[in-house]
C-alpha atoms as a PDB file:
ATOM      1  CA  MET A   1      -1.329   1.215 -49.619  1.00  0.00           C
ATOM      2  CA  LEU A   2       1.470   3.025 -47.716  1.00  0.00           C
ATOM      3  CA  VAL A   3      -1.086   4.420 -45.296  1.00  0.00           C
ATOM      4  CA  GLN A   4      -2.437   0.937 -44.655  1.00  0.00           C
ATOM      5  CA  GLN A   5       1.084  -0.445 -44.062  1.00  0.00           C
ATOM      6  CA  ARG A   6       1.867   2.378 -41.646  1.00  0.00           C
ATOM      7  CA  LYS A   7      -1.371   1.715 -39.719  1.00  0.00           C
ATOM      8  CA  GLU A   8      -0.536  -1.971 -39.539  1.00  0.00           C
ATOM      9  CA  ARG A   9       2.986  -1.228 -38.255  1.00  0.00           C
ATOM     10  CA  GLU A  10       1.587   1.164 -35.662  1.00  0.00           C
ATOM     11  CA  ALA A  11      -0.996  -1.417 -34.562  1.00  0.00           C
ATOM     12  CA  ALA A  12       1.707  -4.095 -34.344  1.00  0.00           C
ATOM     13  CA  GLU A  13       3.908  -1.735 -32.305  1.00  0.00           C
ATOM     14  CA  ARG A  14       1.048  -0.981 -29.907  1.00  0.00           C
ATOM     15  CA  GLU A  15       0.389  -4.701 -29.508  1.00  0.00           C
ATOM     16  CA  ARG A  16       4.088  -5.344 -28.860  1.00  0.00           C
ATOM     17  CA  GLN A  17       4.149  -2.596 -26.226  1.00  0.00           C
ATOM     18  CA  LEU A  18       1.025  -3.982 -24.559  1.00  0.00           C
ATOM     19  CA  ALA A  19       2.502  -7.481 -24.509  1.00  0.00           C
ATOM     20  CA  GLU A  20       5.733  -6.096 -23.014  1.00  0.00           C
ATOM     21  CA  GLN A  21       3.741  -4.215 -20.354  1.00  0.00           C
ATOM     22  CA  ARG A  22       1.826  -7.404 -19.482  1.00  0.00           C
ATOM     23  CA  ARG A  23       5.098  -9.360 -19.162  1.00  0.00           C
ATOM     24  CA  TYR A  24       6.562  -6.636 -16.973  1.00  0.00           C
ATOM     25  CA  GLU A  25       3.494  -6.536 -14.712  1.00  0.00           C
ATOM     26  CA  GLU A  26       3.460 -10.335 -14.420  1.00  0.00           C
ATOM     27  CA  GLN A  27       7.152 -10.311 -13.504  1.00  0.00           C
ATOM     28  CA  ARG A  28       6.482  -7.682 -10.816  1.00  0.00           C
ATOM     29  CA  ARG A  29       3.523  -9.683  -9.495  1.00  0.00           C
ATOM     30  CA  ARG A  30       5.628 -12.866  -9.245  1.00  0.00           C
ATOM     31  CA  LYS A  31       8.466 -11.011  -7.531  1.00  0.00           C
ATOM     32  CA  ARG A  32       6.084  -9.366  -5.036  1.00  0.00           C
ATOM     33  CA  ASP A  33       4.439 -12.731  -4.342  1.00  0.00           C
ATOM     34  CA  ALA A  34       7.830 -14.379  -3.751  1.00  0.00           C
ATOM     35  CA  ASN A  35       8.850 -11.551  -1.423  1.00  0.00           C
ATOM     36  CA  ARG A  36       5.603 -11.890   0.510  1.00  0.00           C
ATOM     37  CA  TRP A  37       6.171 -15.636   0.883  1.00  0.00           C
ATOM     38  CA  ARG A  38       9.720 -14.977   2.110  1.00  0.00           C
ATOM     39  CA  CYS A  39       8.318 -12.489   4.661  1.00  0.00           C
ATOM     40  CA  PHE A  40       5.730 -15.043   5.806  1.00  0.00           C
ATOM     41  CA  ARG A  41       8.458 -17.669   6.313  1.00  0.00           C
ATOM     42  CA  GLU A  42      10.620 -15.166   8.195  1.00  0.00           C
ATOM     43  CA  LEU A  43       7.718 -14.273  10.491  1.00  0.00           C
ATOM     44  CA  ALA A  44       7.116 -17.972  11.144  1.00  0.00           C
ATOM     45  CA  GLN A  45      10.788 -18.476  11.936  1.00  0.00           C
ATOM     46  CA  ASP A  46      10.801 -15.445  14.253  1.00  0.00           C
ATOM     47  CA  TRP A  47       7.701 -16.765  16.004  1.00  0.00           C
ATOM     48  CA  HIS A  48       9.295 -20.195  16.393  1.00  0.00           C
ATOM     49  CA  GLU A  49      12.491 -18.732  17.849  1.00  0.00           C
ATOM     50  CA  LEU A  50      10.480 -16.532  20.221  1.00  0.00           C
ATOM     51  CA  ALA A  51       8.702 -19.646  21.506  1.00  0.00           C
ATOM     52  CA  ALA A  52      12.076 -20.945  22.699  1.00  0.00           C
ATOM     53  CA  VAL A  53      12.824 -17.570  24.289  1.00  0.00           C
ATOM     54  CA  ARG A  54       9.433 -17.613  26.042  1.00  0.00           C
ATOM     55  CA  ASP A  55      10.151 -21.097  27.373  1.00  0.00           C
ATOM     56  CA  PHE A  56      13.535 -19.924  28.617  1.00  0.00           C
ATOM     57  CA  LEU A  57      11.973 -16.905  30.331  1.00  0.00           C
ATOM     58  CA  MET A  58       9.304 -19.120  31.950  1.00  0.00           C
ATOM     59  CA  ALA A  59      12.064 -21.380  33.268  1.00  0.00           C
ATOM     60  CA  LEU A  60      13.881 -18.366  34.704  1.00  0.00           C
ATOM     61  CA  ARG A  61      10.648 -17.105  36.298  1.00  0.00           C
ATOM     62  CA  SER A  62      10.091 -20.480  37.960  1.00  0.00           C
ATOM     63  CA  MET A  63      13.506 -20.397  39.609  1.00  0.00           C
ATOM     64  CA  ASP A  64      14.044 -18.981  43.065  1.00  0.00           C
ATOM     65  CA  THR A  65      14.169 -15.207  42.724  1.00  0.00           C
ATOM     66  CA  THR A  66      14.145 -14.299  46.396  1.00  0.00           C
ATOM     67  CA  SER A  67      17.637 -12.949  46.007  1.00  0.00           C
ATOM     68  CA  ALA A  68      17.879  -9.222  46.459  1.00  0.00           C
ATOM     69  CA  ALA A  69      20.908  -9.130  44.193  1.00  0.00           C
ATOM     70  CA  GLU A  70      21.161  -6.336  41.705  1.00  0.00           C
ATOM     71  CA  ILE A  71      22.744  -6.897  38.329  1.00  0.00           C
ATOM     72  CA  ASP A  72      23.950  -3.776  36.590  1.00  0.00           C
ATOM     73  CA  GLY A  73      21.729  -1.741  38.899  1.00  0.00           C
ATOM     74  CA  HIS A  74      18.561  -3.759  38.180  1.00  0.00           C
ATOM     75  CA  SER A  75      16.694  -6.375  40.183  1.00  0.00           C
ATOM     76  CA  ILE A  76      15.825  -9.788  38.784  1.00  0.00           C
ATOM     77  CA  GLU A  77      12.214  -8.610  38.455  1.00  0.00           C
ATOM     78  CA  ASP A  78      13.412  -5.646  36.371  1.00  0.00           C
ATOM     79  CA  TRP A  79      15.378  -7.977  34.109  1.00  0.00           C
ATOM     80  CA  ILE A  80      12.380 -10.274  33.684  1.00  0.00           C
ATOM     81  CA  ALA A  81      10.184  -7.279  32.842  1.00  0.00           C
ATOM     82  CA  TRP A  82      12.842  -6.140  30.359  1.00  0.00           C
ATOM     83  CA  ALA A  83      12.827  -9.555  28.658  1.00  0.00           C
ATOM     84  CA  GLU A  84       9.010  -9.631  28.577  1.00  0.00           C
ATOM     85  CA  GLU A  85       8.939  -6.202  26.942  1.00  0.00           C
ATOM     86  CA  TRP A  86      11.371  -7.336  24.263  1.00  0.00           C
ATOM     87  CA  LEU A  87       9.316 -10.473  23.656  1.00  0.00           C
ATOM     88  CA  GLN A  88       6.185  -8.373  23.230  1.00  0.00           C
ATOM     89  CA  ARG A  89       7.872  -6.049  20.748  1.00  0.00           C
ATOM     90  CA  ALA A  90       9.432  -8.892  18.762  1.00  0.00           C
ATOM     91  CA  ASP A  91       6.308 -11.061  18.541  1.00  0.00           C
ATOM     92  CA  PRO A  92       5.004 -11.005  14.949  1.00  0.00           C
ATOM     93  CA  THR A  93       1.570 -12.113  16.200  1.00  0.00           C
ATOM     94  CA  VAL A  94       1.144  -9.281  18.709  1.00  0.00           C
ATOM     95  CA  ASN A  95      -1.442  -7.591  16.442  1.00  0.00           C
ATOM     96  CA  GLY A  96      -3.265 -10.826  15.650  1.00  0.00           C
ATOM     97  CA  VAL A  97      -3.869 -12.476  12.308  1.00  0.00           C
ATOM     98  CA  ASP A  98      -4.853  -9.151  10.734  1.00  0.00           C
ATOM     99  CA  GLY A  99      -1.544  -7.652  11.789  1.00  0.00           C
ATOM    100  CA  VAL A 100       0.449 -10.531  10.316  1.00  0.00           C
ATOM    101  CA  PHE A 101      -1.235 -10.338   6.933  1.00  0.00           C
ATOM    102  CA  THR A 102      -1.191  -6.538   6.917  1.00  0.00           C
ATOM    103  CA  GLN A 103       2.554  -6.740   7.365  1.00  0.00           C
ATOM    104  CA  ILE A 104       2.802  -9.240   4.512  1.00  0.00           C
ATOM    105  CA  ALA A 105       0.549  -7.135   2.270  1.00  0.00           C
ATOM    106  CA  ASN A 106       2.890  -4.175   2.775  1.00  0.00           C
ATOM    107  CA  VAL A 107       5.732  -6.121   1.132  1.00  0.00           C
ATOM    108  CA  THR A 108       6.448  -4.918  -2.389  1.00  0.00           C
ATOM    109  CA  ASP A 109       8.550  -6.113  -5.250  1.00  0.00           C
END
């Protein structure tokens, strides 16, 4: 009878540990999912803000740039190229849809 009680306690303990492990894994999964959603929203916000920057740069490009003025040792064309390079680097969609979701998939809990 003592052997049977011990086996039952051990089985109950194993079941408790398994249930705890499942709760822990579910908590991690929910946290990772929430973090991925936050990342997705941040990428969308970045993309939205970059759209305004692109519009601003297009407006600057459309203005008269015949001036030969140098600003901090750089021509207007250099400054426009500098801004375009930054836009390219900051664009979360630069690597396409695959790149966006790869970035999101790399988010952990």
